Amino acid sequence: MSAKLLFFSLCCSFCVFNVVHAAFAVVTLVTGSKNGYSSGALALGQSLIDVGSTLSRVAMVTANVPVDDRRQMERLGWQIHQVEPLPCRVKHNFDAAKYDLQASNVQAGLQRWKYTCTKFHAWNLVSYERILFMDSDTLAVGSLDDVVFGAYSNSSFQAAPDTFPPDNFNAGVMVIKPSAAAYAHLLQLNEQVGSVEGGDQGVLNNGLCPRWATVGPNDPHCGRLPWLVNVGAAHYTTYRALQEGSGKRLPCVVHFDGDGKPWTVLLFEYLSPAEQAQIPAETRGRLAAMALPHMLWRRAYFRAIEQTEPAAHFLLSGASDAAANPAAAAAAAAGGGARAGASIAPLRRKRVKEDPFDSWDTKQEHMER
């Protein structure tokens, strides 16, 4: 092969490589200024870099996301795309005589999930052939590009099982084929079908893909992904060990769904010993069981902001000793970041509740950046 032909071949290969990967993207969503999700997007972006993802990265943000947060995300390769908030429509068949629909926990839940339908704007990113949508409370822990390339399905929509109920899918990680028609259809479903819990999952499960639990492998519109692409943080350590012992593919995404977000739990490391002593033992135990995914998140986050992570004394305090707690032992082994002297600058404590699992994320004022 002549030098000129070799040069032309290499150039073409380079062009094709970039065209292919420019057509696929990881997309996340950040809303608000004081709920910590910007920190989540930073950790997610760093984790995608760490696992070697070659996909483009797009962060959809609402107008109230601070400029400084946007700049930090851009530094990690996120392309900022501002979108308008899209409220989810609440629809249910509850009998008010049987259920207290005005109860504080019910209303808090409705408020918490109200604007999660803003993620529907991802279907409008029509410049991409296919996208992997990831909530900003997820973390890449393994290679995942093949998921969007069709490793498990070629359907225009794909999602993995929810932890509960497992015959529903979790909308925190989805493979999407964007189109203007699909976006318009989602807006219509939001109005006509709505959501019983007031969030995006109800609209998507009951409207977009109601046959997800029983759909066949070749359905062009609705596809299933394995749980390993969206594993709840509470189950990550055990599930990873089971997959490894079985010689199967390890999880590639951990999802901090529910309460106890990693940026919230991180704040406890900065409490005084007297304040930490007030945290219930049950909470400490639950955190120790999730120590490994939290340590992985902290490693990515502090690498993203280029600061030293704090020692995980509080996180591991629920275990009587590391040997008696596999999750804590694994976290201690993985956490080269258990180092003292971290700056609290990136996460300034504004108010601290006693329990990180006590609906922290419904308040949206516990943290400011």
Protein backbone atom coordinates (compact mmCIF):
# COMPACT_ATOMS: atom_id res chain seq x y z
CA MET A 1 0.00 0.00 0.00
CA SER A 2 1.41 3.40 -1.00
CA ALA A 3 1.99 6.06 1.64
CA LYS A 4 -0.68 8.26 0.03
CA LEU A 5 -3.28 5.46 0.05
CA LEU A 6 -2.40 4.55 3.65
CA PHE A 7 -2.83 8.19 4.69
CA PHE A 8 -6.22 8.37 2.92
CA SER A 9 -7.35 5.12 4.57
CA LEU A 10 -6.38 6.34 8.04
CA CYS A 11 -8.17 9.65 7.49
CA CYS A 12 -11.34 7.89 6.37
CA SER A 13 -11.22 5.60 9.39
CA PHE A 14 -10.84 8.61 11.67
CA CYS A 15 -13.79 10.37 10.00
CA VAL A 16 -16.06 7.34 10.19
CA PHE A 17 -15.15 6.82 13.85
CA ASN A 18 -16.12 10.38 14.71
CA VAL A 19 -19.30 10.39 12.63
CA VAL A 20 -20.52 7.16 14.26
CA HIS A 21 -19.94 8.36 17.80
CA ALA A 22 -21.13 11.90 17.13
CA ALA A 23 -24.50 10.38 16.26
CA PHE A 24 -24.84 8.84 19.73
CA ALA A 25 -24.89 10.62 23.07
CA VAL A 26 -25.38 10.27 26.79
CA VAL A 27 -28.00 12.78 27.91
CA THR A 28 -28.78 13.86 31.47
CA LEU A 29 -31.04 16.44 33.10
CA VAL A 30 -30.28 19.03 35.77
CA THR A 31 -33.01 21.22 37.24
CA GLY A 32 -32.92 23.71 40.09
CA SER A 33 -30.09 25.37 41.95
CA LYS A 34 -30.14 23.89 45.45
CA ASN A 35 -31.02 20.22 45.10
CA GLY A 36 -27.57 18.77 44.42
CA TYR A 37 -28.22 17.37 40.95
CA SER A 38 -25.50 19.53 39.42
CA SER A 39 -23.07 17.64 41.66
CA GLY A 40 -24.60 14.43 40.35
CA ALA A 41 -23.98 15.50 36.75
CA LEU A 42 -20.34 16.25 37.57
CA ALA A 43 -19.81 12.79 39.07
CA LEU A 44 -21.67 11.17 36.17
CA GLY A 45 -19.57 13.03 33.61
CA GLN A 46 -16.34 12.03 35.32
CA SER A 47 -17.48 8.42 35.57
CA LEU A 48 -18.20 8.33 31.83
CA ILE A 49 -14.66 9.54 31.22
CA ASP A 50 -13.27 6.97 33.64
CA VAL A 51 -15.00 4.02 31.93
CA GLY A 52 -13.78 5.18 28.53
CA SER A 53 -17.09 6.17 26.99
CA THR A 54 -16.74 7.70 23.52
CA LEU A 55 -20.31 8.98 23.34
CA SER A 56 -21.09 12.68 23.16
CA ARG A 57 -22.44 14.17 26.39
CA VAL A 58 -25.43 16.52 26.59
CA ALA A 59 -26.76 18.08 29.79
CA MET A 60 -30.27 19.45 29.53
CA VAL A 61 -30.63 22.23 32.09
CA THR A 62 -33.42 24.53 33.17
CA ALA A 63 -32.97 28.29 33.39
CA ASN A 64 -32.47 28.25 37.17
CA VAL A 65 -29.30 26.14 37.01
CA PRO A 66 -26.47 28.55 38.00
CA VAL A 67 -23.87 29.69 35.47
CA ASP A 68 -21.03 28.35 37.62
CA ASP A 69 -22.62 24.89 37.62
CA ARG A 70 -22.94 24.98 33.85
CA ARG A 71 -19.30 25.95 33.45
CA GLN A 72 -18.18 23.07 35.66
CA MET A 73 -20.26 20.66 33.59
CA GLU A 74 -18.86 22.06 30.33
CA ARG A 75 -15.34 21.52 31.63
CA LEU A 76 -16.17 17.80 31.85
CA GLY A 77 -17.39 17.70 28.28
CA TRP A 78 -21.12 18.24 28.82
CA GLN A 79 -22.77 20.25 26.04
CA ILE A 80 -25.32 22.49 27.76
CA HIS A 81 -28.81 22.49 26.27
CA GLN A 82 -31.34 24.69 28.05
CA VAL A 83 -34.92 23.43 28.17
CA GLU A 84 -38.20 24.60 29.65
CA PRO A 85 -39.60 22.83 32.72
CA LEU A 86 -42.29 20.32 31.79
CA PRO A 87 -44.69 19.42 34.63
CA CYS A 88 -46.12 15.93 34.79
CA ARG A 89 -49.88 15.62 34.75
CA VAL A 90 -51.30 13.76 37.78
CA LYS A 91 -54.05 11.22 37.06
CA HIS A 92 -55.21 8.39 39.29
CA ASN A 93 -58.14 6.18 40.20
CA PHE A 94 -57.80 6.40 43.98
CA ASP A 95 -60.97 6.54 46.06
CA ALA A 96 -60.62 9.58 48.33
CA ALA A 97 -62.74 7.74 50.89
CA LYS A 98 -60.05 5.06 51.19
CA TYR A 99 -56.89 7.10 50.71
CA ASP A 100 -55.78 10.35 52.27
CA LEU A 101 -54.67 12.13 49.13
CA GLN A 102 -53.89 15.29 51.06
CA ALA A 103 -51.45 13.58 53.42
CA SER A 104 -48.13 15.38 53.69
CA ASN A 105 -46.12 12.45 52.32
CA VAL A 106 -48.43 12.17 49.30
CA GLN A 107 -48.21 15.87 48.52
CA ALA A 108 -44.46 15.87 49.07
CA GLY A 109 -44.11 13.01 46.58
CA LEU A 110 -46.21 14.82 43.99
CA GLN A 111 -44.07 17.92 44.39
CA ARG A 112 -40.87 15.90 44.24
CA TRP A 113 -41.65 14.24 40.91
CA LYS A 114 -43.61 17.12 39.37
CA TYR A 115 -40.98 18.25 36.89
CA THR A 116 -39.34 14.93 36.08
CA CYS A 117 -41.26 14.98 32.78
CA THR A 118 -38.78 17.66 31.72
CA LYS A 119 -36.64 14.73 30.59
CA PHE A 120 -39.11 14.23 27.72
CA HIS A 121 -37.14 16.95 25.91
CA ALA A 122 -34.54 14.25 25.27
CA TRP A 123 -36.84 12.87 22.56
CA ASN A 124 -36.52 16.22 20.81
CA LEU A 125 -32.73 15.97 20.39
CA VAL A 126 -33.20 14.87 16.80
CA SER A 127 -29.61 15.60 15.75
CA TYR A 128 -28.69 12.28 17.40
CA GLU A 129 -29.48 8.89 15.96
CA ARG A 130 -29.86 7.35 19.40
CA ILE A 131 -29.20 8.48 22.95
CA LEU A 132 -28.61 6.88 26.31
CA PHE A 133 -30.54 8.94 28.84
CA MET A 134 -29.12 8.73 32.37
CA ASP A 135 -30.55 10.49 35.41
CA SER A 136 -27.97 12.69 37.12
CA ASP A 137 -28.15 10.45 40.20
CA THR A 138 -26.65 7.58 38.23
CA LEU A 139 -22.99 6.62 37.92
CA ALA A 140 -21.18 4.71 35.20
CA VAL A 141 -19.21 1.86 36.76
CA GLY A 142 -18.44 -0.16 33.65
CA SER A 143 -18.31 0.03 29.86
CA LEU A 144 -21.73 0.97 28.54
CA ASP A 145 -21.42 2.32 24.98
CA ASP A 146 -22.57 -0.99 23.52
CA VAL A 147 -25.94 -0.53 25.23
CA VAL A 148 -26.81 2.40 22.97
CA PHE A 149 -25.31 0.63 19.95
CA GLY A 150 -27.94 -2.12 20.22
CA ALA A 151 -26.26 -4.80 22.35
CA TYR A 152 -29.61 -5.86 23.83
CA SER A 153 -32.29 -4.41 21.56
CA ASN A 154 -32.81 -2.25 18.50
CA SER A 155 -36.16 -0.91 19.65
CA SER A 156 -36.77 2.82 19.51
CA PHE A 157 -37.23 2.78 23.30
CA GLN A 158 -35.43 0.52 25.79
CA ALA A 159 -35.34 0.37 29.59
CA ALA A 160 -34.38 -1.95 32.45
CA PRO A 161 -36.58 -3.34 35.26
CA ASP A 162 -37.39 -1.25 38.29
CA THR A 163 -36.49 -2.69 41.67
CA PHE A 164 -40.15 -2.46 42.66
CA PRO A 165 -42.40 -3.22 41.02
CA PRO A 166 -40.18 -5.31 38.71
CA ASP A 167 -42.86 -5.58 36.03
CA ASN A 168 -42.38 -1.85 35.47
CA PHE A 169 -39.25 -0.31 34.02
CA ASN A 170 -37.19 2.37 35.69
CA ALA A 171 -36.91 5.57 33.67
CA GLY A 172 -33.55 6.56 35.15
CA VAL A 173 -31.66 4.87 32.31
CA MET A 174 -33.21 4.59 28.85
CA VAL A 175 -32.12 4.12 25.26
CA ILE A 176 -34.10 6.50 23.08
CA LYS A 177 -34.41 7.13 19.37
CA PRO A 178 -35.26 10.85 19.21
CA SER A 179 -37.92 12.11 16.85
CA ALA A 180 -40.25 15.10 16.72
CA ALA A 181 -43.22 12.75 16.35
CA ALA A 182 -42.25 10.76 19.46
CA TYR A 183 -41.81 13.98 21.44
CA ALA A 184 -45.24 15.24 20.41
CA HIS A 185 -46.71 11.86 21.30
CA LEU A 186 -45.18 12.04 24.79
CA LEU A 187 -46.69 15.46 25.39
CA GLN A 188 -50.05 14.04 24.40
CA LEU A 189 -49.63 11.02 26.68
CA ASN A 190 -48.74 13.31 29.56
CA GLU A 191 -52.10 15.03 29.16
CA GLN A 192 -54.24 11.99 28.38
CA VAL A 193 -52.65 9.22 30.46
CA GLY A 194 -50.82 11.20 33.12
CA SER A 195 -49.11 9.62 36.10
CA VAL A 196 -50.47 8.16 39.31
CA GLU A 197 -47.37 9.16 41.29
CA GLY A 198 -47.06 12.48 39.48
CA GLY A 199 -43.77 11.68 37.74
CA ASP A 200 -42.33 10.63 34.41
CA GLN A 201 -42.34 6.89 35.13
CA GLY A 202 -46.11 6.71 35.26
CA VAL A 203 -46.47 8.40 31.87
CA LEU A 204 -43.81 6.23 30.28
CA ASN A 205 -44.91 2.90 31.79
CA ASN A 206 -48.63 3.38 31.32
CA GLY A 207 -48.54 5.37 28.11
CA LEU A 208 -45.44 4.99 25.99
CA CYS A 209 -44.61 1.34 26.66
CA PRO A 210 -47.41 -0.37 28.62
CA ARG A 211 -46.47 -3.84 27.26
CA TRP A 212 -42.86 -3.62 28.45
CA ALA A 213 -43.10 -6.57 30.89
CA THR A 214 -44.29 -9.03 28.22
CA VAL A 215 -42.91 -7.54 25.03
CA GLY A 216 -41.11 -9.80 22.57
CA PRO A 217 -37.41 -9.45 21.73
CA ASN A 218 -38.04 -8.03 18.25
CA ASP A 219 -40.61 -5.36 19.06
CA PRO A 220 -39.57 -2.21 17.14
CA HIS A 221 -41.05 0.24 19.64
CA CYS A 222 -40.47 -1.21 23.10
CA GLY A 223 -37.39 -3.09 24.28
CA ARG A 224 -36.02 -4.56 27.50
CA LEU A 225 -32.58 -3.95 28.96
CA PRO A 226 -30.97 -6.10 31.66
CA TRP A 227 -30.90 -4.84 35.24
CA LEU A 228 -27.12 -4.44 35.07
CA VAL A 229 -27.57 -1.15 33.21
CA ASN A 230 -29.64 0.36 36.05
CA VAL A 231 -28.88 -1.27 39.41
CA GLY A 232 -30.24 0.38 42.55
CA ALA A 233 -27.48 1.49 44.94
CA ALA A 234 -29.00 -0.53 47.80
CA HIS A 235 -28.45 -3.75 45.82
CA TYR A 236 -25.29 -2.92 43.88
CA THR A 237 -22.69 -4.63 46.08
CA THR A 238 -24.59 -7.90 46.41
CA TYR A 239 -25.63 -7.99 42.75
CA ARG A 240 -22.11 -7.26 41.58
CA ALA A 241 -20.74 -10.10 43.67
CA LEU A 242 -23.40 -12.47 42.34
CA GLN A 243 -22.64 -11.53 38.72
CA GLU A 244 -18.91 -11.90 39.27
CA GLY A 245 -19.28 -15.26 40.96
CA SER A 246 -21.47 -16.47 38.11
CA GLY A 247 -19.01 -15.32 35.48
CA LYS A 248 -21.54 -12.87 34.04
CA ARG A 249 -21.25 -9.28 32.95
CA LEU A 250 -20.80 -6.89 35.86
CA PRO A 251 -23.11 -3.91 36.39
CA CYS A 252 -22.28 -0.88 34.29
CA VAL A 253 -24.59 1.67 35.96
CA VAL A 254 -25.49 2.21 39.61
CA HIS A 255 -28.56 4.32 40.36
CA PHE A 256 -28.98 6.25 43.60
CA ASP A 257 -32.75 6.13 43.33
CA GLY A 258 -34.92 7.20 46.22
CA ASP A 259 -33.67 9.12 49.24
CA GLY A 260 -30.11 9.18 50.52
CA LYS A 261 -28.54 10.82 47.46
CA PRO A 262 -24.74 10.60 47.51
CA TRP A 263 -24.25 14.36 47.69
CA THR A 264 -26.59 14.43 50.67
CA VAL A 265 -24.90 11.56 52.51
CA LEU A 266 -21.52 13.20 51.84
CA LEU A 267 -22.50 16.15 54.02
CA PHE A 268 -22.54 13.92 57.08
CA GLU A 269 -18.77 13.56 56.90
CA TYR A 270 -18.52 17.26 57.75
CA LEU A 271 -20.66 17.08 60.88
CA SER A 272 -19.09 17.25 64.31
CA PRO A 273 -18.81 13.95 66.23
CA ALA A 274 -21.64 15.13 68.50
CA GLU A 275 -23.88 15.79 65.51
CA GLN A 276 -23.00 12.46 63.91
CA ALA A 277 -23.86 10.67 67.15
CA GLN A 278 -27.46 11.83 66.74
CA ILE A 279 -27.89 9.86 63.51
CA PRO A 280 -29.96 6.69 64.15
CA ALA A 281 -28.09 3.38 64.16
CA GLU A 282 -30.50 2.03 61.55
CA THR A 283 -29.49 4.79 59.16
CA ARG A 284 -25.82 4.08 59.78
CA GLY A 285 -26.38 0.42 59.00
CA ARG A 286 -28.19 1.16 55.76
CA LEU A 287 -25.41 3.47 54.67
CA ALA A 288 -22.71 0.93 55.52
CA ALA A 289 -24.51 -1.59 53.30
CA MET A 290 -24.29 0.91 50.44
CA ALA A 291 -20.76 2.04 51.19
CA LEU A 292 -19.20 0.75 47.97
CA PRO A 293 -21.41 2.67 45.49
CA HIS A 294 -21.18 5.80 47.64
CA MET A 295 -17.39 5.55 47.68
CA LEU A 296 -17.34 5.12 43.91
CA TRP A 297 -19.53 8.21 43.54
CA ARG A 298 -17.27 10.25 45.83
CA ARG A 299 -14.19 9.19 43.94
CA ALA A 300 -15.72 10.41 40.65
CA TYR A 301 -17.10 13.61 42.16
CA PHE A 302 -13.92 14.77 43.84
CA ARG A 303 -11.91 13.88 40.77
CA ALA A 304 -14.31 16.01 38.74
CA ILE A 305 -13.88 19.06 40.97
CA GLU A 306 -10.17 18.35 41.46
CA GLN A 307 -10.28 18.27 45.23
CA THR A 308 -9.34 15.68 47.84
CA GLU A 309 -12.22 13.59 49.10
CA PRO A 310 -12.78 13.31 52.85
CA ALA A 311 -12.30 10.22 54.94
CA ALA A 312 -15.45 8.09 54.96
CA HIS A 313 -15.66 7.77 58.73
CA PHE A 314 -19.37 8.37 58.96
CA LEU A 315 -20.23 6.31 55.90
CA LEU A 316 -18.50 3.25 57.36
CA SER A 317 -19.52 3.84 60.96
CA GLY A 318 -22.54 1.54 60.71
CA ALA A 319 -20.34 -1.53 60.49
CA SER A 320 -18.97 -2.94 63.74
CA ASP A 321 -15.85 -3.77 61.78
CA ALA A 322 -14.97 -3.98 58.11
CA ALA A 323 -14.52 -7.73 58.19
CA ALA A 324 -18.09 -8.21 59.38
CA ASN A 325 -19.48 -6.05 56.59
CA PRO A 326 -18.57 -7.08 53.03
CA ALA A 327 -19.81 -3.80 51.59
CA ALA A 328 -17.77 -1.77 54.03
CA ALA A 329 -14.70 -3.94 53.46
CA ALA A 330 -15.04 -3.57 49.68
CA ALA A 331 -15.47 0.17 50.04
CA ALA A 332 -12.42 0.45 52.25
CA ALA A 333 -10.39 -1.51 49.72
CA ALA A 334 -11.69 0.52 46.78
CA GLY A 335 -11.57 3.89 48.47
CA GLY A 336 -8.12 5.22 48.00
CA GLY A 337 -9.86 8.49 48.75
CA ALA A 338 -10.30 7.94 52.48
CA ARG A 339 -8.10 10.91 53.15
CA ALA A 340 -8.51 13.71 55.61
CA GLY A 341 -8.34 17.44 55.06
CA ALA A 342 -10.88 17.87 52.27
CA SER A 343 -12.24 21.30 51.55
CA ILE A 344 -15.93 21.76 52.16
CA ALA A 345 -16.09 24.49 49.52
CA PRO A 346 -17.91 22.48 46.83
CA LEU A 347 -20.68 21.41 49.19
CA ARG A 348 -21.57 24.01 51.74
CA ARG A 349 -23.91 22.75 54.47
CA LYS A 350 -26.93 25.01 54.84
CA ARG A 351 -29.13 22.85 57.04
CA VAL A 352 -28.81 19.27 58.28
CA LYS A 353 -31.61 16.87 59.01
CA GLU A 354 -31.20 13.91 61.31
CA ASP A 355 -31.81 11.22 58.73
CA PRO A 356 -30.69 11.29 55.06
CA PHE A 357 -33.45 8.85 54.18
CA ASP A 358 -36.16 11.11 55.61
CA SER A 359 -37.34 12.65 52.33
CA TRP A 360 -34.33 14.92 52.03
CA ASP A 361 -34.88 15.50 48.38
CA THR A 362 -38.42 16.79 48.81
CA LYS A 363 -37.14 19.88 50.60
CA GLN A 364 -34.63 21.16 48.01
CA GLU A 365 -33.06 23.63 50.37
CA HIS A 366 -30.61 21.51 52.31
CA MET A 367 -27.71 22.21 49.98
CA GLU A 368 -26.34 25.16 48.08
CA ARG A 369 -23.40 25.17 45.75
